[in-house]
Structure formats: structure tokens, C-alpha cells
Amino acid sequence: MEKGRIIRILILVALIVISIVLFASGVIFPEQQGETTEPDQLISVTAAIQERLDTIAGEVEKASSGLSSGINGEEAEKVLDDIFNETPDAVFLYSFSPDGTVAEVTPDSYNISSLNMSIAGLPDLSGSVVQGPAMTEVVEYGGYYVFEIVRPVYDEDGENIGGVTAVINSFSLLDGIINPEENASGNTFTVMQTDGLILYDMDKRQVGANLFTDDIFSSFPNLRNLGVRFTTQSSGYGSYSYYPTGSSDGSPVKKLAYWDSAGLYGTEWRVIMFKGALVAG
């Protein structure tokens, strides 16, 4: 009886030792390889993106206050012009009526056929005038990938008279922050919407692709598996296999990914930093 008990204990100890060795070698939970501490560069880049979003949101709030006397006409146009000139990544700004149709737009040169018509291809914002400020998801529009930061407009009596929105070029905003960091460090970044849409990547061919539905990622199930964590966890780290940086073919290599989040009003982007190849695939 005692001998059998000793044998069971020895087997249990052996299993524990084997599990520890496998975990340490990355065979168990390989996506957790690497340092667990979020890199300073990722913290810095994410903070810069968040600061930029906050700044644009502040400008839109300023426009909302300036439009309290009316969402169209010369005074409204001047308010929009002033905010547009302070927002370098803006494609255009517009005010809209409670039913979501355009009241005023700037710059005048932007190709919108006429006022008082909804802007086809952009999200319907009519609900935003009662829901408060919002940041929309990124969509393709007019050759750009854009999102909108929107805010209701109230008159001096507190009555809702519509809203105002800034249409922002997402790649331009992100490229201005991230590209210098990539050039300085050799690390690369991707920014992804929580539905898998890629908003920024050093490889511009991937911008607008979707991690979960596009064929270019179909041969890398472990990347898609890690992508599920991107969508469900606001920050984290893991590893995956993909082509070497700067290449779209060849033998896959294993890389580390760390991510954090930036966003506004409940809409989030995942800011993902990749550290170079670990081992040959």
C-alpha cells in the first residue's frame, strides 16, 4: 500500500516537472512568449495617438459651441473653417440637421454635390444628436480610410438643432505618429479596429485588409488566433508566425506582439507593436 502511494507521488512529481519544462520552452501556451512588461515605445506611441484623438475631440466640441446660433450660413461656415484649419488630418468638416442631412461643409472645394443631402458612404449620424459625442468606425470613403468624431449641437435655449462632425483620415493621423518611431527603432506597428480592419501598417498593401476575412492571412491561423485576443483584450502580449518584416513571401518567422488601446467614447483601436523575429519558422 505504502509502495503504491510512493509510486503515485513520484509520477505526480514527474508530471509537474515535465509541465514546467514544456511551459518554459514555449510548447504550452506559445503565444505567451517574451517579456510580459509593456514596452516603453508602445506606451509612448499609444499615448501620442490618444492625445491626438483627444485634441480633435476638443476641436469638435469647440465647433459644437460655436454653432449654437445656427448650423448653416456664413457664421457656421466660419466656425467650420477655423476648426478645419486647426485639424491637419481632417478631410472635411460638416454640420448636419437632426435627421442627419448636411447643413454646411468645409472646405468648399470638397466634392459634395449639394448641401442638405446626406453624404452617401459615411455612417448615418442622425442618432448621434440624441446619444451624445461619438467616434465612428473607420470606413473607406473617397479614396481614404476615414472615421468621424461627432458631437451634438444645442442652441442657446438648450434645444438640439443637429450636430457637427470632423471626417478624419485615419492613416494620415497614424502615419504621422508611428512612421518616425518605426524608422528610429526597427520595431514595427499595426493599428487595428476591433472588427479586424487594419488601419495602419508599414506595408501599405495591408491597410484596409481584415485580419479575419482576407486571404492574405489565411495561411497563418496562429496569427488569427492571436487576433481574437486583440479584439477581446484591451492590452496584452503574445507570439505568432508570419513573413519576415518587409517581405510578403519566404519562410515564416516567429515574432512577438504587444498591444494597447486608444479611442474615444467606447470606440477603440488596438495599437500593436511587433518586435523582430524570434526564430526561423
C-alpha atoms as a PDB file:
ATOM      1  CA  MET A   1       0.000   0.000   0.000  1.00  0.00           C
ATOM      2  CA  GLU A   2       2.773   2.396   1.021  1.00  0.00           C
ATOM      3  CA  LYS A   3       4.803   1.443  -2.040  1.00  0.00           C
ATOM      4  CA  GLY A   4       1.879   2.244  -4.372  1.00  0.00           C
ATOM      5  CA  ARG A   5       1.412   5.637  -2.690  1.00  0.00           C
ATOM      6  CA  ILE A   6       5.096   6.458  -3.193  1.00  0.00           C
ATOM      7  CA  ILE A   7       4.886   5.495  -6.875  1.00  0.00           C
ATOM      8  CA  ARG A   8       1.853   7.759  -7.390  1.00  0.00           C
ATOM      9  CA  ILE A   9       3.669  10.655  -5.729  1.00  0.00           C
ATOM     10  CA  LEU A  10       6.733  10.119  -7.928  1.00  0.00           C
ATOM     11  CA  ILE A  11       4.573  10.063 -11.057  1.00  0.00           C
ATOM     12  CA  LEU A  12       2.846  13.285  -9.991  1.00  0.00           C
ATOM     13  CA  VAL A  13       6.188  14.998  -9.356  1.00  0.00           C
ATOM     14  CA  ALA A  14       7.464  13.845 -12.754  1.00  0.00           C
ATOM     15  CA  LEU A  15       4.377  15.258 -14.491  1.00  0.00           C
ATOM     16  CA  ILE A  16       4.809  18.586 -12.725  1.00  0.00           C
ATOM     17  CA  VAL A  17       8.471  18.769 -13.754  1.00  0.00           C
ATOM     18  CA  ILE A  18       7.628  17.924 -17.378  1.00  0.00           C
ATOM     19  CA  SER A  19       4.870  20.587 -17.424  1.00  0.00           C
ATOM     20  CA  ILE A  20       7.252  23.217 -16.078  1.00  0.00           C
ATOM     21  CA  VAL A  21       9.847  22.354 -18.734  1.00  0.00           C
ATOM     22  CA  LEU A  22       7.263  22.460 -21.533  1.00  0.00           C
ATOM     23  CA  PHE A  23       5.836  25.757 -20.325  1.00  0.00           C
ATOM     24  CA  ALA A  24       9.286  27.320 -20.065  1.00  0.00           C
ATOM     25  CA  SER A  25      10.185  26.157 -23.560  1.00  0.00           C
ATOM     26  CA  GLY A  26       7.009  27.647 -25.030  1.00  0.00           C
ATOM     27  CA  VAL A  27       5.428  24.368 -26.086  1.00  0.00           C
ATOM     28  CA  ILE A  28       2.497  25.080 -23.764  1.00  0.00           C
ATOM     29  CA  PHE A  29       0.846  28.461 -24.434  1.00  0.00           C
ATOM     30  CA  PRO A  30       3.469  29.537 -27.002  1.00  0.00           C
ATOM     31  CA  GLU A  31       1.632  32.806 -27.614  1.00  0.00           C
ATOM     32  CA  GLN A  32       2.800  33.974 -24.184  1.00  0.00           C
ATOM     33  CA  GLN A  33       6.496  34.008 -25.085  1.00  0.00           C
ATOM     34  CA  GLY A  34       8.554  37.100 -24.412  1.00  0.00           C
ATOM     35  CA  GLU A  35       8.738  39.812 -21.796  1.00  0.00           C
ATOM     36  CA  THR A  36       5.398  40.498 -20.156  1.00  0.00           C
ATOM     37  CA  THR A  37       6.117  44.163 -19.447  1.00  0.00           C
ATOM     38  CA  GLU A  38       4.593  46.543 -21.994  1.00  0.00           C
ATOM     39  CA  PRO A  39       7.467  48.199 -23.907  1.00  0.00           C
ATOM     40  CA  ASP A  40       8.041  51.904 -23.313  1.00  0.00           C
ATOM     41  CA  GLN A  41       7.836  52.599 -27.048  1.00  0.00           C
ATOM     42  CA  LEU A  42       4.347  51.103 -27.250  1.00  0.00           C
ATOM     43  CA  ILE A  43       3.249  53.139 -24.229  1.00  0.00           C
ATOM     44  CA  SER A  44       4.611  56.296 -25.874  1.00  0.00           C
ATOM     45  CA  VAL A  45       3.026  55.669 -29.286  1.00  0.00           C
ATOM     46  CA  THR A  46      -0.348  54.743 -27.801  1.00  0.00           C
ATOM     47  CA  ALA A  47      -0.298  57.881 -25.642  1.00  0.00           C
ATOM     48  CA  ALA A  48       0.505  60.030 -28.696  1.00  0.00           C
ATOM     49  CA  ILE A  49      -2.413  58.537 -30.652  1.00  0.00           C
ATOM     50  CA  GLN A  50      -4.747  59.065 -27.704  1.00  0.00           C
ATOM     51  CA  GLU A  51      -3.574  62.656 -27.307  1.00  0.00           C
ATOM     52  CA  ARG A  52      -4.244  63.318 -30.991  1.00  0.00           C
ATOM     53  CA  LEU A  53      -7.757  61.868 -30.762  1.00  0.00           C
ATOM     54  CA  ASP A  54      -8.435  63.904 -27.628  1.00  0.00           C
ATOM     55  CA  THR A  55      -7.234  67.060 -29.378  1.00  0.00           C
ATOM     56  CA  ILE A  56      -9.559  66.520 -32.351  1.00  0.00           C
ATOM     57  CA  ALA A  57     -12.433  65.780 -29.976  1.00  0.00           C
ATOM     58  CA  GLY A  58     -11.702  69.081 -28.251  1.00  0.00           C
ATOM     59  CA  GLU A  59     -11.819  70.932 -31.564  1.00  0.00           C
ATOM     60  CA  VAL A  60     -15.155  69.321 -32.440  1.00  0.00           C
ATOM     61  CA  GLU A  61     -16.504  70.325 -29.029  1.00  0.00           C
ATOM     62  CA  LYS A  62     -15.358  73.872 -29.768  1.00  0.00           C
ATOM     63  CA  ALA A  63     -17.194  73.747 -33.105  1.00  0.00           C
ATOM     64  CA  SER A  64     -20.332  72.495 -31.377  1.00  0.00           C
ATOM     65  CA  SER A  65     -20.305  75.506 -29.056  1.00  0.00           C
ATOM     66  CA  GLY A  66     -19.620  77.884 -31.948  1.00  0.00           C
ATOM     67  CA  LEU A  67     -22.590  76.584 -33.908  1.00  0.00           C
ATOM     68  CA  SER A  68     -25.116  77.250 -31.124  1.00  0.00           C
ATOM     69  CA  SER A  69     -26.515  80.220 -33.087  1.00  0.00           C
ATOM     70  CA  GLY A  70     -27.087  78.108 -36.209  1.00  0.00           C
ATOM     71  CA  ILE A  71     -25.703  75.134 -38.139  1.00  0.00           C
ATOM     72  CA  ASN A  72     -25.666  76.840 -41.553  1.00  0.00           C
ATOM     73  CA  GLY A  73     -24.898  80.233 -43.072  1.00  0.00           C
ATOM     74  CA  GLU A  74     -21.787  82.415 -43.101  1.00  0.00           C
ATOM     75  CA  GLU A  75     -21.188  82.289 -39.355  1.00  0.00           C
ATOM     76  CA  ALA A  76     -21.432  78.487 -39.309  1.00  0.00           C
ATOM     77  CA  GLU A  77     -19.086  78.282 -42.286  1.00  0.00           C
ATOM     78  CA  LYS A  78     -16.508  80.403 -40.455  1.00  0.00           C
ATOM     79  CA  VAL A  79     -16.716  78.166 -37.373  1.00  0.00           C
ATOM     80  CA  LEU A  80     -16.092  75.083 -39.519  1.00  0.00           C
ATOM     81  CA  ASP A  81     -13.278  76.792 -41.449  1.00  0.00           C
ATOM     82  CA  ASP A  82     -11.481  77.724 -38.233  1.00  0.00           C
ATOM     83  CA  ILE A  83     -11.672  74.188 -36.855  1.00  0.00           C
ATOM     84  CA  PHE A  84     -10.664  72.655 -40.189  1.00  0.00           C
ATOM     85  CA  ASN A  85      -7.518  74.814 -40.240  1.00  0.00           C
ATOM     86  CA  GLU A  86      -6.617  73.560 -36.755  1.00  0.00           C
ATOM     87  CA  THR A  87      -7.098  69.890 -37.689  1.00  0.00           C
ATOM     88  CA  PRO A  88      -4.378  68.760 -40.120  1.00  0.00           C
ATOM     89  CA  ASP A  89      -5.708  65.213 -40.608  1.00  0.00           C
ATOM     90  CA  ALA A  90      -9.258  66.348 -41.412  1.00  0.00           C
ATOM     91  CA  VAL A  91     -10.643  65.550 -44.853  1.00  0.00           C
ATOM     92  CA  PHE A  92     -13.624  67.834 -44.295  1.00  0.00           C
ATOM     93  CA  LEU A  93     -15.986  69.037 -41.580  1.00  0.00           C
ATOM     94  CA  TYR A  94     -19.739  69.393 -41.788  1.00  0.00           C
ATOM     95  CA  SER A  95     -22.736  70.309 -39.708  1.00  0.00           C
ATOM     96  CA  PHE A  96     -25.967  68.379 -40.069  1.00  0.00           C
ATOM     97  CA  SER A  97     -29.614  68.656 -39.159  1.00  0.00           C
ATOM     98  CA  PRO A  98     -31.373  66.359 -36.659  1.00  0.00           C
ATOM     99  CA  ASP A  99     -32.341  63.982 -39.462  1.00  0.00           C
ATOM    100  CA  GLY A 100     -28.667  63.554 -40.440  1.00  0.00           C
ATOM    101  CA  THR A 101     -28.593  65.612 -43.642  1.00  0.00           C
ATOM    102  CA  VAL A 102     -25.796  68.073 -44.409  1.00  0.00           C
ATOM    103  CA  ALA A 103     -26.317  71.726 -43.447  1.00  0.00           C
ATOM    104  CA  GLU A 104     -22.837  73.208 -44.071  1.00  0.00           C
ATOM    105  CA  VAL A 105     -19.495  71.798 -45.190  1.00  0.00           C
ATOM    106  CA  THR A 106     -15.894  72.943 -45.365  1.00  0.00           C
ATOM    107  CA  PRO A 107     -13.671  73.202 -47.343  1.00  0.00           C
ATOM    108  CA  ASP A 108     -15.795  74.474 -50.231  1.00  0.00           C
ATOM    109  CA  SER A 109     -13.565  72.633 -52.673  1.00  0.00           C
ATOM    110  CA  TYR A 110     -14.566  69.241 -51.324  1.00  0.00           C
ATOM    111  CA  ASN A 111     -16.593  67.346 -53.871  1.00  0.00           C
ATOM    112  CA  ILE A 112     -20.073  67.155 -52.376  1.00  0.00           C
ATOM    113  CA  SER A 113     -22.759  67.691 -54.975  1.00  0.00           C
ATOM    114  CA  SER A 114     -25.052  69.887 -52.879  1.00  0.00           C
ATOM    115  CA  LEU A 115     -25.920  70.776 -49.344  1.00  0.00           C
ATOM    116  CA  ASN A 116     -28.965  69.435 -47.498  1.00  0.00           C
ATOM    117  CA  MET A 117     -28.290  65.908 -48.732  1.00  0.00           C
ATOM    118  CA  SER A 118     -26.881  63.000 -46.729  1.00  0.00           C
ATOM    119  CA  ILE A 119     -23.278  62.087 -47.523  1.00  0.00           C
ATOM    120  CA  ALA A 120     -23.507  58.632 -49.072  1.00  0.00           C
ATOM    121  CA  GLY A 121     -20.883  56.183 -47.874  1.00  0.00           C
ATOM    122  CA  LEU A 122     -20.474  57.652 -44.391  1.00  0.00           C
ATOM    123  CA  PRO A 123     -22.279  56.350 -41.310  1.00  0.00           C
ATOM    124  CA  ASP A 124     -25.750  57.710 -40.582  1.00  0.00           C
ATOM    125  CA  LEU A 125     -25.255  60.185 -37.753  1.00  0.00           C
ATOM    126  CA  SER A 126     -28.872  61.164 -37.127  1.00  0.00           C
ATOM    127  CA  GLY A 127     -28.933  59.092 -33.938  1.00  0.00           C
ATOM    128  CA  SER A 128     -25.827  60.835 -32.621  1.00  0.00           C
ATOM    129  CA  VAL A 129     -27.705  64.052 -31.908  1.00  0.00           C
ATOM    130  CA  VAL A 130     -29.501  62.395 -29.014  1.00  0.00           C
ATOM    131  CA  GLN A 131     -26.787  59.952 -27.904  1.00  0.00           C
ATOM    132  CA  GLY A 132     -24.037  62.480 -27.237  1.00  0.00           C
ATOM    133  CA  PRO A 133     -20.499  62.597 -28.657  1.00  0.00           C
ATOM    134  CA  ALA A 134     -19.275  59.612 -30.667  1.00  0.00           C
ATOM    135  CA  MET A 135     -16.381  58.261 -32.688  1.00  0.00           C
ATOM    136  CA  THR A 136     -17.450  56.123 -35.634  1.00  0.00           C
ATOM    137  CA  GLU A 137     -15.708  53.070 -37.013  1.00  0.00           C
ATOM    138  CA  VAL A 138     -13.334  53.544 -39.932  1.00  0.00           C
ATOM    139  CA  VAL A 139     -14.793  53.163 -43.437  1.00  0.00           C
ATOM    140  CA  GLU A 140     -13.401  53.634 -46.935  1.00  0.00           C
ATOM    141  CA  TYR A 141     -14.604  56.907 -48.433  1.00  0.00           C
ATOM    142  CA  GLY A 142     -13.389  58.942 -51.391  1.00  0.00           C
ATOM    143  CA  GLY A 143     -10.067  57.098 -51.651  1.00  0.00           C
ATOM    144  CA  TYR A 144      -9.330  57.440 -47.928  1.00  0.00           C
ATOM    145  CA  TYR A 145      -9.951  55.385 -44.837  1.00  0.00           C
ATOM    146  CA  VAL A 146     -11.821  57.774 -42.573  1.00  0.00           C
ATOM    147  CA  PHE A 147     -13.646  57.977 -39.298  1.00  0.00           C
ATOM    148  CA  GLU A 148     -15.815  60.678 -37.804  1.00  0.00           C
ATOM    149  CA  ILE A 149     -15.743  62.411 -34.451  1.00  0.00           C
ATOM    150  CA  VAL A 150     -19.222  63.829 -33.921  1.00  0.00           C
ATOM    151  CA  ARG A 151     -20.935  65.963 -31.320  1.00  0.00           C
ATOM    152  CA  PRO A 152     -24.494  67.255 -30.932  1.00  0.00           C
ATOM    153  CA  VAL A 153     -25.195  70.988 -31.294  1.00  0.00           C
ATOM    154  CA  TYR A 154     -27.595  72.800 -28.977  1.00  0.00           C
ATOM    155  CA  ASP A 155     -28.944  76.302 -29.356  1.00  0.00           C
ATOM    156  CA  GLU A 156     -28.821  78.902 -26.585  1.00  0.00           C
ATOM    157  CA  ASP A 157     -32.078  77.541 -25.141  1.00  0.00           C
ATOM    158  CA  GLY A 158     -30.669  74.017 -24.893  1.00  0.00           C
ATOM    159  CA  GLU A 159     -32.674  72.663 -27.831  1.00  0.00           C
ATOM    160  CA  ASN A 160     -30.923  70.206 -30.115  1.00  0.00           C
ATOM    161  CA  ILE A 161     -30.538  71.689 -33.595  1.00  0.00           C
ATOM    162  CA  GLY A 162     -28.323  68.997 -35.147  1.00  0.00           C
ATOM    163  CA  GLY A 163     -24.672  68.050 -34.903  1.00  0.00           C
ATOM    164  CA  VAL A 164     -21.157  68.645 -36.184  1.00  0.00           C
ATOM    165  CA  THR A 165     -18.560  66.138 -37.295  1.00  0.00           C
ATOM    166  CA  ALA A 166     -14.939  66.051 -38.367  1.00  0.00           C
ATOM    167  CA  VAL A 167     -14.131  63.455 -41.038  1.00  0.00           C
ATOM    168  CA  ILE A 168     -10.560  62.321 -40.302  1.00  0.00           C
ATOM    169  CA  ASN A 169      -8.057  60.446 -42.463  1.00  0.00           C
ATOM    170  CA  SER A 170      -7.087  57.610 -40.117  1.00  0.00           C
ATOM    171  CA  PHE A 171      -3.918  56.581 -41.988  1.00  0.00           C
ATOM    172  CA  SER A 172      -2.613  60.155 -42.117  1.00  0.00           C
ATOM    173  CA  LEU A 173      -3.157  60.581 -38.385  1.00  0.00           C
ATOM    174  CA  LEU A 174      -1.438  57.300 -37.533  1.00  0.00           C
ATOM    175  CA  ASP A 175       1.392  57.552 -40.056  1.00  0.00           C
ATOM    176  CA  GLY A 176       2.485  60.921 -38.716  1.00  0.00           C
ATOM    177  CA  ILE A 177       2.927  59.419 -35.256  1.00  0.00           C
ATOM    178  CA  ILE A 178       4.119  55.890 -35.959  1.00  0.00           C
ATOM    179  CA  ASN A 179       6.391  56.138 -39.014  1.00  0.00           C
ATOM    180  CA  PRO A 180       9.135  58.144 -37.251  1.00  0.00           C
ATOM    181  CA  GLU A 181       9.077  55.613 -34.398  1.00  0.00           C
ATOM    182  CA  GLU A 182       9.468  52.683 -36.784  1.00  0.00           C
ATOM    183  CA  ASN A 183      12.368  54.366 -38.559  1.00  0.00           C
ATOM    184  CA  ALA A 184      14.119  55.092 -35.274  1.00  0.00           C
ATOM    185  CA  SER A 185      13.741  51.694 -33.610  1.00  0.00           C
ATOM    186  CA  GLY A 186      13.324  48.960 -36.203  1.00  0.00           C
ATOM    187  CA  ASN A 187      10.180  47.761 -34.421  1.00  0.00           C
ATOM    188  CA  THR A 188       7.006  47.826 -36.492  1.00  0.00           C
ATOM    189  CA  PHE A 189       3.416  48.700 -35.650  1.00  0.00           C
ATOM    190  CA  THR A 190      -0.065  47.831 -36.810  1.00  0.00           C
ATOM    191  CA  VAL A 191      -3.231  49.606 -35.718  1.00  0.00           C
ATOM    192  CA  MET A 192      -6.369  47.518 -35.976  1.00  0.00           C
ATOM    193  CA  GLN A 193     -10.049  48.127 -35.454  1.00  0.00           C
ATOM    194  CA  THR A 194     -11.730  45.620 -33.136  1.00  0.00           C
ATOM    195  CA  ASP A 195     -13.501  44.012 -36.114  1.00  0.00           C
ATOM    196  CA  GLY A 196     -10.104  43.123 -37.623  1.00  0.00           C
ATOM    197  CA  LEU A 197      -9.820  46.013 -40.122  1.00  0.00           C
ATOM    198  CA  ILE A 198      -6.194  47.165 -40.415  1.00  0.00           C
ATOM    199  CA  LEU A 199      -5.905  50.957 -40.199  1.00  0.00           C
ATOM    200  CA  TYR A 200      -2.115  51.261 -40.279  1.00  0.00           C
ATOM    201  CA  ASP A 201       0.759  49.018 -41.266  1.00  0.00           C
ATOM    202  CA  MET A 202       4.262  49.644 -42.590  1.00  0.00           C
ATOM    203  CA  ASP A 203       3.181  47.517 -45.566  1.00  0.00           C
ATOM    204  CA  LYS A 204       0.563  49.843 -47.049  1.00  0.00           C
ATOM    205  CA  ARG A 205      -0.907  46.955 -49.033  1.00  0.00           C
ATOM    206  CA  GLN A 206      -2.333  45.634 -45.763  1.00  0.00           C
ATOM    207  CA  VAL A 207      -4.157  48.856 -44.915  1.00  0.00           C
ATOM    208  CA  GLY A 208      -7.846  48.161 -45.398  1.00  0.00           C
ATOM    209  CA  ALA A 209      -7.381  44.383 -45.179  1.00  0.00           C
ATOM    210  CA  ASN A 210      -9.196  42.424 -42.499  1.00  0.00           C
ATOM    211  CA  LEU A 211      -7.236  40.004 -40.343  1.00  0.00           C
ATOM    212  CA  PHE A 212     -10.150  37.587 -40.062  1.00  0.00           C
ATOM    213  CA  THR A 213     -11.564  37.584 -43.589  1.00  0.00           C
ATOM    214  CA  ASP A 214      -8.819  38.417 -46.093  1.00  0.00           C
ATOM    215  CA  ASP A 215      -6.985  35.617 -47.867  1.00  0.00           C
ATOM    216  CA  ILE A 216      -3.523  37.093 -47.209  1.00  0.00           C
ATOM    217  CA  PHE A 217      -3.810  35.930 -43.602  1.00  0.00           C
ATOM    218  CA  SER A 218      -5.490  32.565 -44.238  1.00  0.00           C
ATOM    219  CA  SER A 219      -2.199  30.619 -44.088  1.00  0.00           C
ATOM    220  CA  PHE A 220      -1.457  31.918 -40.582  1.00  0.00           C
ATOM    221  CA  PRO A 221      -4.109  30.524 -38.221  1.00  0.00           C
ATOM    222  CA  ASN A 222      -1.994  31.304 -35.150  1.00  0.00           C
ATOM    223  CA  LEU A 223      -1.987  34.990 -36.154  1.00  0.00           C
ATOM    224  CA  ARG A 224      -5.769  34.901 -36.461  1.00  0.00           C
ATOM    225  CA  ASN A 225      -5.991  33.150 -33.102  1.00  0.00           C
ATOM    226  CA  LEU A 226      -3.884  35.898 -31.578  1.00  0.00           C
ATOM    227  CA  GLY A 227      -6.135  38.383 -33.387  1.00  0.00           C
ATOM    228  CA  VAL A 228      -9.077  37.129 -31.340  1.00  0.00           C
ATOM    229  CA  ARG A 229      -7.177  38.267 -28.272  1.00  0.00           C
ATOM    230  CA  PHE A 230      -6.536  41.630 -29.957  1.00  0.00           C
ATOM    231  CA  THR A 231     -10.290  42.115 -30.271  1.00  0.00           C
ATOM    232  CA  THR A 232     -11.288  40.915 -26.813  1.00  0.00           C
ATOM    233  CA  GLN A 233      -8.404  42.182 -24.650  1.00  0.00           C
ATOM    234  CA  SER A 234      -7.536  45.876 -24.460  1.00  0.00           C
ATOM    235  CA  SER A 235      -3.857  45.078 -23.865  1.00  0.00           C
ATOM    236  CA  GLY A 236      -1.590  42.065 -23.830  1.00  0.00           C
ATOM    237  CA  TYR A 237       1.271  40.246 -25.493  1.00  0.00           C
ATOM    238  CA  GLY A 238       1.836  37.063 -27.468  1.00  0.00           C
ATOM    239  CA  SER A 239       3.702  35.460 -30.359  1.00  0.00           C
ATOM    240  CA  TYR A 240       2.769  34.344 -33.847  1.00  0.00           C
ATOM    241  CA  SER A 241       4.334  33.305 -37.154  1.00  0.00           C
ATOM    242  CA  TYR A 242       4.337  35.467 -40.260  1.00  0.00           C
ATOM    243  CA  TYR A 243       6.566  36.549 -43.131  1.00  0.00           C
ATOM    244  CA  PRO A 244       9.757  38.409 -42.204  1.00  0.00           C
ATOM    245  CA  THR A 245       9.397  42.181 -41.886  1.00  0.00           C
ATOM    246  CA  GLY A 246       9.426  43.810 -45.315  1.00  0.00           C
ATOM    247  CA  SER A 247       8.602  40.575 -47.141  1.00  0.00           C
ATOM    248  CA  SER A 248       5.377  39.048 -48.427  1.00  0.00           C
ATOM    249  CA  ASP A 249       6.771  35.568 -49.008  1.00  0.00           C
ATOM    250  CA  GLY A 250       9.512  33.229 -47.820  1.00  0.00           C
ATOM    251  CA  SER A 251       9.695  31.107 -44.700  1.00  0.00           C
ATOM    252  CA  PRO A 252       7.592  32.440 -41.825  1.00  0.00           C
ATOM    253  CA  VAL A 253       9.381  33.587 -38.700  1.00  0.00           C
ATOM    254  CA  LYS A 254       8.102  33.859 -35.151  1.00  0.00           C
ATOM    255  CA  LYS A 255       7.538  37.373 -33.814  1.00  0.00           C
ATOM    256  CA  LEU A 256       6.443  38.989 -30.582  1.00  0.00           C
ATOM    257  CA  ALA A 257       3.375  41.222 -30.424  1.00  0.00           C
ATOM    258  CA  TYR A 258       2.478  43.658 -27.653  1.00  0.00           C
ATOM    259  CA  TRP A 259      -0.675  45.735 -27.796  1.00  0.00           C
ATOM    260  CA  ASP A 260      -2.537  48.523 -26.070  1.00  0.00           C
ATOM    261  CA  SER A 261      -5.635  50.602 -26.884  1.00  0.00           C
ATOM    262  CA  ALA A 262      -6.589  54.142 -27.846  1.00  0.00           C
ATOM    263  CA  GLY A 263     -10.004  55.525 -28.665  1.00  0.00           C
ATOM    264  CA  LEU A 264     -12.942  57.717 -27.755  1.00  0.00           C
ATOM    265  CA  TYR A 265     -16.482  57.274 -26.444  1.00  0.00           C
ATOM    266  CA  GLY A 266     -16.315  53.476 -26.354  1.00  0.00           C
ATOM    267  CA  THR A 267     -14.799  53.011 -29.831  1.00  0.00           C
ATOM    268  CA  GLU A 268     -11.306  51.507 -29.524  1.00  0.00           C
ATOM    269  CA  TRP A 269      -8.310  50.857 -31.753  1.00  0.00           C
ATOM    270  CA  ARG A 270      -5.677  48.269 -30.922  1.00  0.00           C
ATOM    271  CA  VAL A 271      -2.145  49.638 -31.209  1.00  0.00           C
ATOM    272  CA  ILE A 272       0.124  46.639 -31.797  1.00  0.00           C
ATOM    273  CA  MET A 273       3.928  46.711 -31.657  1.00  0.00           C
ATOM    274  CA  PHE A 274       5.912  43.880 -33.196  1.00  0.00           C
ATOM    275  CA  LYS A 275       9.409  43.038 -32.054  1.00  0.00           C
ATOM    276  CA  GLY A 276      11.627  41.286 -34.593  1.00  0.00           C
ATOM    277  CA  ALA A 277      11.827  37.626 -35.475  1.00  0.00           C
ATOM    278  CA  LEU A 278      12.459  35.188 -32.647  1.00  0.00           C
ATOM    279  CA  VAL A 279      13.364  32.014 -34.514  1.00  0.00           C
ATOM    280  CA  ALA A 280      13.046  30.727 -38.051  1.00  0.00           C
ATOM    281  CA  GLY A 281       9.621  29.252 -38.755  1.00  0.00           C
END
